[in-house]
PDB file of N, CA and C in Angstrom:
ATOM      1  N   UNK A   1     -20.012  10.049 -16.639  1.00  0.00           N
ATOM      2  CA  UNK A   1     -18.650   9.852 -17.104  1.00  0.00           C
ATOM      3  C   UNK A   1     -18.617   8.899 -18.283  1.00  0.00           C
ATOM      4  N   UNK A   2     -17.825   9.240 -19.259  1.00  0.00           N
ATOM      5  CA  UNK A   2     -17.651   8.404 -20.429  1.00  0.00           C
ATOM      6  C   UNK A   2     -16.663   7.285 -20.096  1.00  0.00           C
ATOM      7  N   UNK A   3     -17.148   6.065 -19.954  1.00  0.00           N
ATOM      8  CA  UNK A   3     -16.302   4.922 -19.581  1.00  0.00           C
ATOM      9  C   UNK A   3     -15.294   4.561 -20.666  1.00  0.00           C
ATOM     10  N   UNK A   4     -15.426   5.130 -21.869  1.00  0.00           N
ATOM     11  CA  UNK A   4     -14.465   4.840 -22.920  1.00  0.00           C
ATOM     12  C   UNK A   4     -13.271   5.789 -22.894  1.00  0.00           C
ATOM     13  N   UNK A   5     -13.281   6.749 -21.964  1.00  0.00           N
ATOM     14  CA  UNK A   5     -12.082   7.559 -21.740  1.00  0.00           C
ATOM     15  C   UNK A   5     -11.242   6.800 -20.716  1.00  0.00           C
ATOM     16  N   UNK A   6     -10.036   6.435 -21.127  1.00  0.00           N
ATOM     17  CA  UNK A   6      -9.145   5.658 -20.272  1.00  0.00           C
ATOM     18  C   UNK A   6      -8.686   6.484 -19.076  1.00  0.00           C
ATOM     19  N   UNK A   7      -8.101   5.825 -18.106  1.00  0.00           N
ATOM     20  CA  UNK A   7      -7.565   6.530 -16.935  1.00  0.00           C
ATOM     21  C   UNK A   7      -6.636   7.661 -17.353  1.00  0.00           C
ATOM     22  N   UNK A   8      -5.869   7.457 -18.429  1.00  0.00           N
ATOM     23  CA  UNK A   8      -4.882   8.433 -18.892  1.00  0.00           C
ATOM     24  C   UNK A   8      -5.467   9.503 -19.802  1.00  0.00           C
ATOM     25  N   UNK A   9      -6.727   9.339 -20.195  1.00  0.00           N
ATOM     26  CA  UNK A   9      -7.357  10.320 -21.065  1.00  0.00           C
ATOM     27  C   UNK A   9      -7.466   9.901 -22.515  1.00  0.00           C
ATOM     28  N   UNK A  10      -6.778   8.824 -22.904  1.00  0.00           N
ATOM     29  CA  UNK A  10      -6.929   8.338 -24.276  1.00  0.00           C
ATOM     30  C   UNK A  10      -8.368   7.878 -24.484  1.00  0.00           C
ATOM     31  N   UNK A  11      -8.851   7.995 -25.705  1.00  0.00           N
ATOM     32  CA  UNK A  11     -10.223   7.634 -26.024  1.00  0.00           C
ATOM     33  C   UNK A  11     -10.262   6.206 -26.558  1.00  0.00           C
ATOM     34  N   UNK A  12     -10.653   5.261 -25.708  1.00  0.00           N
ATOM     35  CA  UNK A  12     -10.721   3.854 -26.114  1.00  0.00           C
ATOM     36  C   UNK A  12     -11.751   3.655 -27.225  1.00  0.00           C
ATOM     37  N   UNK A  13     -12.718   4.537 -27.307  1.00  0.00           N
ATOM     38  CA  UNK A  13     -13.721   4.434 -28.362  1.00  0.00           C
ATOM     39  C   UNK A  13     -13.135   4.607 -29.751  1.00  0.00           C
ATOM     40  N   UNK A  14     -11.963   5.215 -29.840  1.00  0.00           N
ATOM     41  CA  UNK A  14     -11.302   5.437 -31.123  1.00  0.00           C
ATOM     42  C   UNK A  14     -10.135   4.473 -31.350  1.00  0.00           C
ATOM     43  N   UNK A  15      -9.941   3.534 -30.445  1.00  0.00           N
ATOM     44  CA  UNK A  15      -8.797   2.622 -30.500  1.00  0.00           C
ATOM     45  C   UNK A  15      -9.062   1.470 -31.457  1.00  0.00           C
ATOM     46  N   UNK A  16      -8.116   1.249 -32.358  1.00  0.00           N
ATOM     47  CA  UNK A  16      -8.261   0.165 -33.327  1.00  0.00           C
ATOM     48  C   UNK A  16      -8.203  -1.212 -32.669  1.00  0.00           C
ATOM     49  N   UNK A  17      -7.527  -1.338 -31.538  1.00  0.00           N
ATOM     50  CA  UNK A  17      -7.515  -2.621 -30.831  1.00  0.00           C
ATOM     51  C   UNK A  17      -8.912  -2.950 -30.323  1.00  0.00           C
ATOM     52  N   UNK A  18      -9.616  -1.958 -29.820  1.00  0.00           N
ATOM     53  CA  UNK A  18     -10.994  -2.161 -29.356  1.00  0.00           C
ATOM     54  C   UNK A  18     -11.894  -2.511 -30.543  1.00  0.00           C
ATOM     55  N   UNK A  19     -11.726  -1.788 -31.631  1.00  0.00           N
ATOM     56  CA  UNK A  19     -12.529  -2.059 -32.828  1.00  0.00           C
ATOM     57  C   UNK A  19     -12.287  -3.484 -33.327  1.00  0.00           C
ATOM     58  N   UNK A  20     -11.020  -3.912 -33.349  1.00  0.00           N
ATOM     59  CA  UNK A  20     -10.690  -5.266 -33.799  1.00  0.00           C
ATOM     60  C   UNK A  20     -11.329  -6.309 -32.886  1.00  0.00           C
ATOM     61  N   UNK A  21     -11.364  -6.030 -31.599  1.00  0.00           N
ATOM     62  CA  UNK A  21     -11.964  -6.950 -30.633  1.00  0.00           C
ATOM     63  C   UNK A  21     -13.468  -7.040 -30.835  1.00  0.00           C
ATOM     64  N   UNK A  22     -14.108  -5.891 -30.925  1.00  0.00           N
ATOM     65  CA  UNK A  22     -15.570  -5.874 -31.043  1.00  0.00           C
ATOM     66  C   UNK A  22     -16.067  -6.478 -32.354  1.00  0.00           C
ATOM     67  N   UNK A  23     -15.272  -6.322 -33.412  1.00  0.00           N
ATOM     68  CA  UNK A  23     -15.683  -6.832 -34.725  1.00  0.00           C
ATOM     69  C   UNK A  23     -15.010  -8.158 -35.068  1.00  0.00           C
ATOM     70  N   UNK A  24     -14.166  -8.663 -34.165  1.00  0.00           N
ATOM     71  CA  UNK A  24     -13.408  -9.898 -34.370  1.00  0.00           C
ATOM     72  C   UNK A  24     -12.687  -9.868 -35.717  1.00  0.00           C
ATOM     73  N   UNK A  25     -11.959  -8.768 -35.948  1.00  0.00           N
ATOM     74  CA  UNK A  25     -11.286  -8.513 -37.216  1.00  0.00           C
ATOM     75  C   UNK A  25      -9.800  -8.855 -37.094  1.00  0.00           C
ATOM     76  N   UNK A  26      -9.433 -10.045 -37.553  1.00  0.00           N
ATOM     77  CA  UNK A  26      -8.039 -10.484 -37.452  1.00  0.00           C
ATOM     78  C   UNK A  26      -7.090  -9.663 -38.312  1.00  0.00           C
ATOM     79  N   UNK A  27      -7.556  -9.155 -39.437  1.00  0.00           N
ATOM     80  CA  UNK A  27      -6.720  -8.289 -40.274  1.00  0.00           C
ATOM     81  C   UNK A  27      -6.350  -7.016 -39.538  1.00  0.00           C
ATOM     82  N   UNK A  28      -7.306  -6.436 -38.841  1.00  0.00           N
ATOM     83  CA  UNK A  28      -7.041  -5.225 -38.061  1.00  0.00           C
ATOM     84  C   UNK A  28      -6.136  -5.546 -36.877  1.00  0.00           C
ATOM     85  N   UNK A  29      -6.325  -6.712 -36.258  1.00  0.00           N
ATOM     86  CA  UNK A  29      -5.430  -7.128 -35.158  1.00  0.00           C
ATOM     87  C   UNK A  29      -3.985  -7.184 -35.654  1.00  0.00           C
ATOM     88  N   UNK A  30      -3.773  -7.758 -36.836  1.00  0.00           N
ATOM     89  CA  UNK A  30      -2.422  -7.854 -37.403  1.00  0.00           C
ATOM     90  C   UNK A  30      -1.846  -6.465 -37.643  1.00  0.00           C
ATOM     91  N   UNK A  31      -2.652  -5.567 -38.180  1.00  0.00           N
ATOM     92  CA  UNK A  31      -2.210  -4.197 -38.450  1.00  0.00           C
ATOM     93  C   UNK A  31      -1.801  -3.497 -37.153  1.00  0.00           C
ATOM     94  N   UNK A  32      -2.637  -3.594 -36.144  1.00  0.00           N
ATOM     95  CA  UNK A  32      -2.358  -2.940 -34.858  1.00  0.00           C
ATOM     96  C   UNK A  32      -1.120  -3.553 -34.215  1.00  0.00           C
ATOM     97  N   UNK A  33      -1.010  -4.874 -34.230  1.00  0.00           N
ATOM     98  CA  UNK A  33       0.151  -5.543 -33.635  1.00  0.00           C
ATOM     99  C   UNK A  33       1.442  -5.068 -34.296  1.00  0.00           C
ATOM    100  N   UNK A  34       1.432  -4.961 -35.610  1.00  0.00           N
ATOM    101  CA  UNK A  34       2.622  -4.493 -36.333  1.00  0.00           C
ATOM    102  C   UNK A  34       2.955  -3.054 -35.954  1.00  0.00           C
ATOM    103  N   UNK A  35       1.960  -2.174 -35.957  1.00  0.00           N
ATOM    104  CA  UNK A  35       2.188  -0.763 -35.617  1.00  0.00           C
ATOM    105  C   UNK A  35       2.693  -0.617 -34.184  1.00  0.00           C
ATOM    106  N   UNK A  36       2.051  -1.295 -33.249  1.00  0.00           N
ATOM    107  CA  UNK A  36       2.437  -1.170 -31.841  1.00  0.00           C
ATOM    108  C   UNK A  36       3.811  -1.785 -31.585  1.00  0.00           C
ATOM    109  N   UNK A  37       4.138  -2.863 -32.290  1.00  0.00           N
ATOM    110  CA  UNK A  37       5.466  -3.470 -32.149  1.00  0.00           C
ATOM    111  C   UNK A  37       6.544  -2.478 -32.575  1.00  0.00           C
ATOM    112  N   UNK A  38       6.328  -1.840 -33.708  1.00  0.00           N
ATOM    113  CA  UNK A  38       7.290  -0.861 -34.214  1.00  0.00           C
ATOM    114  C   UNK A  38       7.366   0.361 -33.305  1.00  0.00           C
ATOM    115  N   UNK A  39       6.233   0.836 -32.858  1.00  0.00           N
ATOM    116  CA  UNK A  39       6.176   2.024 -32.007  1.00  0.00           C
ATOM    117  C   UNK A  39       6.868   1.809 -30.664  1.00  0.00           C
ATOM    118  N   UNK A  40       6.708   0.616 -30.102  1.00  0.00           N
ATOM    119  CA  UNK A  40       7.204   0.348 -28.752  1.00  0.00           C
ATOM    120  C   UNK A  40       8.490  -0.456 -28.705  1.00  0.00           C
ATOM    121  N   UNK A  41       8.966  -0.933 -29.841  1.00  0.00           N
ATOM    122  CA  UNK A  41      10.212  -1.693 -29.876  1.00  0.00           C
ATOM    123  C   UNK A  41      10.120  -3.034 -29.161  1.00  0.00           C
ATOM    124  N   UNK A  42       8.936  -3.627 -29.161  1.00  0.00           N
ATOM    125  CA  UNK A  42       8.730  -4.943 -28.552  1.00  0.00           C
ATOM    126  C   UNK A  42       7.876  -5.776 -29.507  1.00  0.00           C
ATOM    127  N   UNK A  43       7.858  -7.064 -29.275  1.00  0.00           N
ATOM    128  CA  UNK A  43       7.026  -7.930 -30.111  1.00  0.00           C
ATOM    129  C   UNK A  43       5.613  -7.996 -29.537  1.00  0.00           C
ATOM    130  N   UNK A  44       4.672  -7.574 -30.327  1.00  0.00           N
ATOM    131  CA  UNK A  44       3.257  -7.666 -29.978  1.00  0.00           C
ATOM    132  C   UNK A  44       2.607  -8.499 -31.066  1.00  0.00           C
ATOM    133  N   UNK A  45       1.959  -9.576 -30.650  1.00  0.00           N
ATOM    134  CA  UNK A  45       1.341 -10.477 -31.617  1.00  0.00           C
ATOM    135  C   UNK A  45      -0.133 -10.124 -31.797  1.00  0.00           C
ATOM    136  N   UNK A  46      -0.713 -10.499 -32.920  1.00  0.00           N
ATOM    137  CA  UNK A  46      -2.137 -10.239 -33.128  1.00  0.00           C
ATOM    138  C   UNK A  46      -3.015 -10.845 -32.025  1.00  0.00           C
ATOM    139  N   UNK A  47      -2.584 -11.976 -31.460  1.00  0.00           N
ATOM    140  CA  UNK A  47      -3.349 -12.619 -30.385  1.00  0.00           C
ATOM    141  C   UNK A  47      -3.430 -11.747 -29.132  1.00  0.00           C
ATOM    142  N   UNK A  48      -2.503 -10.816 -28.989  1.00  0.00           N
ATOM    143  CA  UNK A  48      -2.500  -9.903 -27.841  1.00  0.00           C
ATOM    144  C   UNK A  48      -3.474  -8.742 -28.028  1.00  0.00           C
ATOM    145  N   UNK A  49      -3.952  -8.565 -29.239  1.00  0.00           N
ATOM    146  CA  UNK A  49      -4.821  -7.434 -29.545  1.00  0.00           C
ATOM    147  C   UNK A  49      -6.278  -7.821 -29.289  1.00  0.00           C
ATOM    148  N   UNK A  50      -6.631  -7.793 -28.035  1.00  0.00           N
ATOM    149  CA  UNK A  50      -7.999  -8.038 -27.576  1.00  0.00           C
ATOM    150  C   UNK A  50      -8.239  -7.109 -26.403  1.00  0.00           C
ATOM    151  N   UNK A  51      -9.080  -6.110 -26.611  1.00  0.00           N
ATOM    152  CA  UNK A  51      -9.339  -5.136 -25.556  1.00  0.00           C
ATOM    153  C   UNK A  51     -10.701  -4.479 -25.792  1.00  0.00           C
ATOM    154  N   UNK A  52     -11.471  -4.377 -24.733  1.00  0.00           N
ATOM    155  CA  UNK A  52     -12.780  -3.716 -24.827  1.00  0.00           C
ATOM    156  C   UNK A  52     -12.729  -2.293 -24.300  1.00  0.00           C
ATOM    157  N   UNK A  53     -11.613  -1.925 -23.672  1.00  0.00           N
ATOM    158  CA  UNK A  53     -11.452  -0.580 -23.115  1.00  0.00           C
ATOM    159  C   UNK A  53     -10.874  -0.642 -21.719  1.00  0.00           C
ATOM    160  N   UNK A  54     -10.134   0.360 -21.384  1.00  0.00           N
ATOM    161  CA  UNK A  54      -9.408   0.419 -20.119  1.00  0.00           C
ATOM    162  C   UNK A  54     -10.320   0.342 -18.895  1.00  0.00           C
ATOM    163  N   UNK A  55     -11.459   1.038 -18.950  1.00  0.00           N
ATOM    164  CA  UNK A  55     -12.308   1.140 -17.760  1.00  0.00           C
ATOM    165  C   UNK A  55     -13.640   0.410 -17.886  1.00  0.00           C
ATOM    166  N   UNK A  56     -13.750  -0.468 -18.875  1.00  0.00           N
ATOM    167  CA  UNK A  56     -14.973  -1.250 -19.022  1.00  0.00           C
ATOM    168  C   UNK A  56     -14.644  -2.726 -18.833  1.00  0.00           C
ATOM    169  N   UNK A  57     -15.649  -3.491 -18.444  1.00  0.00           N
ATOM    170  CA  UNK A  57     -15.447  -4.920 -18.242  1.00  0.00           C
ATOM    171  C   UNK A  57     -15.098  -5.594 -19.561  1.00  0.00           C
ATOM    172  N   UNK A  58     -14.294  -6.614 -19.477  1.00  0.00           N
ATOM    173  CA  UNK A  58     -13.950  -7.382 -20.665  1.00  0.00           C
ATOM    174  C   UNK A  58     -12.457  -7.497 -20.861  1.00  0.00           C
ATOM    175  N   UNK A  59     -12.084  -7.959 -22.032  1.00  0.00           N
ATOM    176  CA  UNK A  59     -10.689  -8.230 -22.371  1.00  0.00           C
ATOM    177  C   UNK A  59      -9.841  -6.959 -22.329  1.00  0.00           C
ATOM    178  N   UNK A  60      -8.578  -7.153 -21.997  1.00  0.00           N
ATOM    179  CA  UNK A  60      -7.573  -6.087 -22.009  1.00  0.00           C
ATOM    180  C   UNK A  60      -6.321  -6.640 -22.682  1.00  0.00           C
ATOM    181  N   UNK A  61      -5.571  -5.775 -23.338  1.00  0.00           N
ATOM    182  CA  UNK A  61      -4.269  -6.206 -23.851  1.00  0.00           C
ATOM    183  C   UNK A  61      -3.390  -6.518 -22.640  1.00  0.00           C
ATOM    184  N   UNK A  62      -2.353  -7.352 -22.805  1.00  0.00           N
ATOM    185  CA  UNK A  62      -1.485  -7.652 -21.656  1.00  0.00           C
ATOM    186  C   UNK A  62      -0.906  -6.385 -21.013  1.00  0.00           C
ATOM    187  N   UNK A  63      -0.512  -5.409 -21.839  1.00  0.00           N
ATOM    188  CA  UNK A  63       0.045  -4.183 -21.274  1.00  0.00           C
ATOM    189  C   UNK A  63      -1.003  -3.440 -20.454  1.00  0.00           C
ATOM    190  N   UNK A  64      -2.153  -3.215 -21.045  1.00  0.00           N
ATOM    191  CA  UNK A  64      -3.193  -2.460 -20.343  1.00  0.00           C
ATOM    192  C   UNK A  64      -3.661  -3.176 -19.087  1.00  0.00           C
ATOM    193  N   UNK A  65      -3.745  -4.493 -19.149  1.00  0.00           N
ATOM    194  CA  UNK A  65      -4.257  -5.247 -18.019  1.00  0.00           C
ATOM    195  C   UNK A  65      -3.325  -5.217 -16.815  1.00  0.00           C
ATOM    196  N   UNK A  66      -2.053  -5.497 -17.026  1.00  0.00           N
ATOM    197  CA  UNK A  66      -1.141  -5.695 -15.887  1.00  0.00           C
ATOM    198  C   UNK A  66       0.066  -4.765 -15.836  1.00  0.00           C
ATOM    199  N   UNK A  67       0.439  -4.166 -16.958  1.00  0.00           N
ATOM    200  CA  UNK A  67       1.709  -3.443 -17.003  1.00  0.00           C
ATOM    201  C   UNK A  67       1.596  -1.930 -17.036  1.00  0.00           C
ATOM    202  N   UNK A  68       0.473  -1.394 -17.439  1.00  0.00           N
ATOM    203  CA  UNK A  68       0.349   0.059 -17.570  1.00  0.00           C
ATOM    204  C   UNK A  68       0.453   0.728 -16.198  1.00  0.00           C
ATOM    205  N   UNK A  69       1.490   1.531 -15.977  1.00  0.00           N
ATOM    206  CA  UNK A  69       1.658   2.151 -14.664  1.00  0.00           C
ATOM    207  C   UNK A  69       0.563   3.170 -14.347  1.00  0.00           C
ATOM    208  N   UNK A  70       0.007   3.780 -15.368  1.00  0.00           N
ATOM    209  CA  UNK A  70      -1.049   4.776 -15.153  1.00  0.00           C
ATOM    210  C   UNK A  70      -2.326   4.091 -14.682  1.00  0.00           C
ATOM    211  N   UNK A  71      -2.708   3.031 -15.365  1.00  0.00           N
ATOM    212  CA  UNK A  71      -3.918   2.294 -14.986  1.00  0.00           C
ATOM    213  C   UNK A  71      -3.773   1.706 -13.585  1.00  0.00           C
ATOM    214  N   UNK A  72      -2.622   1.109 -13.308  1.00  0.00           N
ATOM    215  CA  UNK A  72      -2.398   0.505 -11.989  1.00  0.00           C
ATOM    216  C   UNK A  72      -2.476   1.562 -10.879  1.00  0.00           C
ATOM    217  N   UNK A  73      -1.890   2.723 -11.111  1.00  0.00           N
ATOM    218  CA  UNK A  73      -1.904   3.816 -10.132  1.00  0.00           C
ATOM    219  C   UNK A  73      -3.331   4.305  -9.895  1.00  0.00           C
ATOM    220  N   UNK A  74      -4.063   4.540 -10.966  1.00  0.00           N
ATOM    221  CA  UNK A  74      -5.432   5.052 -10.842  1.00  0.00           C
ATOM    222  C   UNK A  74      -6.333   4.057 -10.116  1.00  0.00           C
ATOM    223  N   UNK A  75      -6.166   2.766 -10.414  1.00  0.00           N
ATOM    224  CA  UNK A  75      -6.978   1.759  -9.736  1.00  0.00           C
ATOM    225  C   UNK A  75      -6.616   1.684  -8.247  1.00  0.00           C
ATOM    226  N   UNK A  76      -5.337   1.823  -7.934  1.00  0.00           N
ATOM    227  CA  UNK A  76      -4.900   1.816  -6.532  1.00  0.00           C
ATOM    228  C   UNK A  76      -5.481   3.008  -5.778  1.00  0.00           C
ATOM    229  N   UNK A  77      -5.510   4.157  -6.448  1.00  0.00           N
ATOM    230  CA  UNK A  77      -6.037   5.376  -5.821  1.00  0.00           C
ATOM    231  C   UNK A  77      -7.563   5.458  -5.881  1.00  0.00           C
ATOM    232  N   UNK A  78      -8.168   4.507  -6.608  1.00  0.00           N
ATOM    233  CA  UNK A  78      -9.624   4.441  -6.727  1.00  0.00           C
ATOM    234  C   UNK A  78     -10.224   5.740  -7.286  1.00  0.00           C
ATOM    235  N   UNK A  79      -9.613   6.230  -8.378  1.00  0.00           N
ATOM    236  CA  UNK A  79     -10.133   7.418  -9.055  1.00  0.00           C
ATOM    237  C   UNK A  79     -10.759   6.999 -10.376  1.00  0.00           C
ATOM    238  N   UNK A  80     -11.770   7.732 -10.819  1.00  0.00           N
ATOM    239  CA  UNK A  80     -12.423   7.426 -12.098  1.00  0.00           C
ATOM    240  C   UNK A  80     -11.429   7.541 -13.253  1.00  0.00           C
ATOM    241  N   UNK A  81     -10.703   8.642 -13.306  1.00  0.00           N
ATOM    242  CA  UNK A  81      -9.627   8.862 -14.273  1.00  0.00           C
ATOM    243  C   UNK A  81      -8.555   9.679 -13.565  1.00  0.00           C
ATOM    244  N   UNK A  82      -7.448   9.876 -14.229  1.00  0.00           N
ATOM    245  CA  UNK A  82      -6.389  10.708 -13.650  1.00  0.00           C
ATOM    246  C   UNK A  82      -6.854  12.148 -13.476  1.00  0.00           C
ATOM    247  N   UNK A  83      -7.887  12.529 -14.205  1.00  0.00           N
ATOM    248  CA  UNK A  83      -8.451  13.866 -14.052  1.00  0.00           C
ATOM    249  C   UNK A  83      -9.037  14.098 -12.671  1.00  0.00           C
ATOM    250  N   UNK A  84      -9.340  13.027 -11.943  1.00  0.00           N
ATOM    251  CA  UNK A  84      -9.876  13.131 -10.583  1.00  0.00           C
ATOM    252  C   UNK A  84      -8.801  13.010  -9.522  1.00  0.00           C
ATOM    253  N   UNK A  85      -7.563  12.888  -9.930  1.00  0.00           N
ATOM    254  CA  UNK A  85      -6.455  12.733  -8.992  1.00  0.00           C
ATOM    255  C   UNK A  85      -5.858  14.101  -8.667  1.00  0.00           C
ATOM    256  N   UNK A  86      -5.686  14.416  -7.379  1.00  0.00           N
ATOM    257  CA  UNK A  86      -5.114  15.707  -7.011  1.00  0.00           C
ATOM    258  C   UNK A  86      -3.651  15.869  -7.436  1.00  0.00           C
ATOM    259  N   UNK A  87      -2.992  14.772  -7.803  1.00  0.00           N
ATOM    260  CA  UNK A  87      -1.583  14.821  -8.208  1.00  0.00           C
ATOM    261  C   UNK A  87      -1.412  14.850  -9.735  1.00  0.00           C
ATOM    262  N   UNK A  88      -2.508  15.005 -10.465  1.00  0.00           N
ATOM    263  CA  UNK A  88      -2.466  14.919 -11.915  1.00  0.00           C
ATOM    264  C   UNK A  88      -1.464  15.893 -12.551  1.00  0.00           C
ATOM    265  N   UNK A  89      -1.473  17.138 -12.152  1.00  0.00           N
ATOM    266  CA  UNK A  89      -0.656  18.145 -12.835  1.00  0.00           C
ATOM    267  C   UNK A  89       0.843  17.864 -12.801  1.00  0.00           C
ATOM    268  N   UNK A  90       1.336  17.250 -11.753  1.00  0.00           N
ATOM    269  CA  UNK A  90       2.772  16.992 -11.670  1.00  0.00           C
ATOM    270  C   UNK A  90       3.147  15.537 -11.875  1.00  0.00           C
ATOM    271  N   UNK A  91       2.232  14.745 -12.373  1.00  0.00           N
ATOM    272  CA  UNK A  91       2.452  13.297 -12.481  1.00  0.00           C
ATOM    273  C   UNK A  91       3.334  12.945 -13.672  1.00  0.00           C
ATOM    274  N   UNK A  92       4.478  12.328 -13.385  1.00  0.00           N
ATOM    275  CA  UNK A  92       5.402  11.928 -14.449  1.00  0.00           C
ATOM    276  C   UNK A  92       4.854  10.762 -15.262  1.00  0.00           C
ATOM    277  N   UNK A  93       4.133   9.842 -14.597  1.00  0.00           N
ATOM    278  CA  UNK A  93       3.556   8.705 -15.322  1.00  0.00           C
ATOM    279  C   UNK A  93       2.570   9.215 -16.369  1.00  0.00           C
ATOM    280  N   UNK A  94       1.675  10.084 -15.954  1.00  0.00           N
ATOM    281  CA  UNK A  94       0.653  10.607 -16.851  1.00  0.00           C
ATOM    282  C   UNK A  94       1.266  11.439 -17.968  1.00  0.00           C
ATOM    283  N   UNK A  95       2.344  12.131 -17.676  1.00  0.00           N
ATOM    284  CA  UNK A  95       3.007  12.971 -18.679  1.00  0.00           C
ATOM    285  C   UNK A  95       3.521  12.154 -19.865  1.00  0.00           C
ATOM    286  N   UNK A  96       3.717  10.826 -19.677  1.00  0.00           N
ATOM    287  CA  UNK A  96       4.121   9.969 -20.801  1.00  0.00           C
ATOM    288  C   UNK A  96       3.059  10.004 -21.895  1.00  0.00           C
ATOM    289  N   UNK A  97       1.810  10.204 -21.522  1.00  0.00           N
ATOM    290  CA  UNK A  97       0.710  10.268 -22.483  1.00  0.00           C
ATOM    291  C   UNK A  97       0.362  11.716 -22.810  1.00  0.00           C
ATOM    292  N   UNK A  98       0.065  12.493 -21.799  1.00  0.00           N
ATOM    293  CA  UNK A  98      -0.418  13.862 -22.025  1.00  0.00           C
ATOM    294  C   UNK A  98       0.668  14.794 -22.547  1.00  0.00           C
ATOM    295  N   UNK A  99       1.926  14.428 -22.363  1.00  0.00           N
ATOM    296  CA  UNK A  99       3.021  15.252 -22.851  1.00  0.00           C
ATOM    297  C   UNK A  99       3.072  15.337 -24.371  1.00  0.00           C
ATOM    298  N   UNK A 100       2.512  14.324 -25.033  1.00  0.00           N
ATOM    299  CA  UNK A 100       2.511  14.350 -26.499  1.00  0.00           C
ATOM    300  C   UNK A 100       1.118  14.108 -27.074  1.00  0.00           C
ATOM    301  N   UNK A 101       0.098  14.244 -26.218  1.00  0.00           N
ATOM    302  CA  UNK A 101      -1.266  14.034 -26.687  1.00  0.00           C
ATOM    303  C   UNK A 101      -2.194  15.034 -25.989  1.00  0.00           C
ATOM    304  N   UNK A 102      -2.342  16.184 -26.609  1.00  0.00           N
ATOM    305  CA  UNK A 102      -3.157  17.259 -26.022  1.00  0.00           C
ATOM    306  C   UNK A 102      -4.614  16.835 -25.861  1.00  0.00           C
ATOM    307  N   UNK A 103      -5.107  15.981 -26.759  1.00  0.00           N
ATOM    308  CA  UNK A 103      -6.496  15.531 -26.667  1.00  0.00           C
ATOM    309  C   UNK A 103      -6.726  14.693 -25.413  1.00  0.00           C
ATOM    310  N   UNK A 104      -5.761  13.874 -25.032  1.00  0.00           N
ATOM    311  CA  UNK A 104      -5.887  13.070 -23.815  1.00  0.00           C
ATOM    312  C   UNK A 104      -6.018  13.984 -22.594  1.00  0.00           C
ATOM    313  N   UNK A 105      -5.200  15.013 -22.533  1.00  0.00           N
ATOM    314  CA  UNK A 105      -5.283  15.961 -21.416  1.00  0.00           C
ATOM    315  C   UNK A 105      -6.628  16.671 -21.410  1.00  0.00           C
ATOM    316  N   UNK A 106      -7.101  17.069 -22.568  1.00  0.00           N
ATOM    317  CA  UNK A 106      -8.403  17.729 -22.660  1.00  0.00           C
ATOM    318  C   UNK A 106      -9.524  16.785 -22.213  1.00  0.00           C
ATOM    319  N   UNK A 107      -9.428  15.515 -22.606  1.00  0.00           N
ATOM    320  CA  UNK A 107     -10.428  14.537 -22.187  1.00  0.00           C
ATOM    321  C   UNK A 107     -10.461  14.405 -20.669  1.00  0.00           C
ATOM    322  N   UNK A 108      -9.297  14.415 -20.038  1.00  0.00           N
ATOM    323  CA  UNK A 108      -9.244  14.303 -18.566  1.00  0.00           C
ATOM    324  C   UNK A 108      -9.879  15.528 -17.905  1.00  0.00           C
ATOM    325  N   UNK A 109      -9.643  16.676 -18.467  1.00  0.00           N
ATOM    326  CA  UNK A 109     -10.227  17.889 -17.904  1.00  0.00           C
ATOM    327  C   UNK A 109     -11.735  17.886 -18.030  1.00  0.00           C
ATOM    328  N   UNK A 110     -12.266  17.321 -19.119  1.00  0.00           N
ATOM    329  CA  UNK A 110     -13.713  17.214 -19.314  1.00  0.00           C
ATOM    330  C   UNK A 110     -14.336  16.205 -18.364  1.00  0.00           C
ATOM    331  N   UNK A 111     -13.585  15.179 -18.012  1.00  0.00           N
ATOM    332  CA  UNK A 111     -14.102  14.080 -17.198  1.00  0.00           C
ATOM    333  C   UNK A 111     -14.089  14.382 -15.695  1.00  0.00           C
ATOM    334  N   UNK A 112     -13.534  15.505 -15.296  1.00  0.00           N
ATOM    335  CA  UNK A 112     -13.468  15.842 -13.864  1.00  0.00           C
ATOM    336  C   UNK A 112     -14.834  15.923 -13.262  1.00  0.00           C
TER     337      UNK A 112
END
């Protein structure tokens, strides 16, 4: 299993927050914080942009660490990814991601 595929199917290996963390790139942290703030309608500071990946040891953004309902559900159910969950097809939480990201859904199907 590719540990850089998040519980929801997003590819953490392609995430700019992960890249900024691994390379300690404050300019990239600022860019990501600005984009995510605008996208989500909340204030995200560059200091919050520290993440090594959803399913790997290390730093997580505050949202991914404690607030993401998909990650919390998958960890509670003790599944590798949502692709291993028998309730995946009808899951409203997961649909927040896979409903507008076909690649995430494809990643979950590959990870089964």
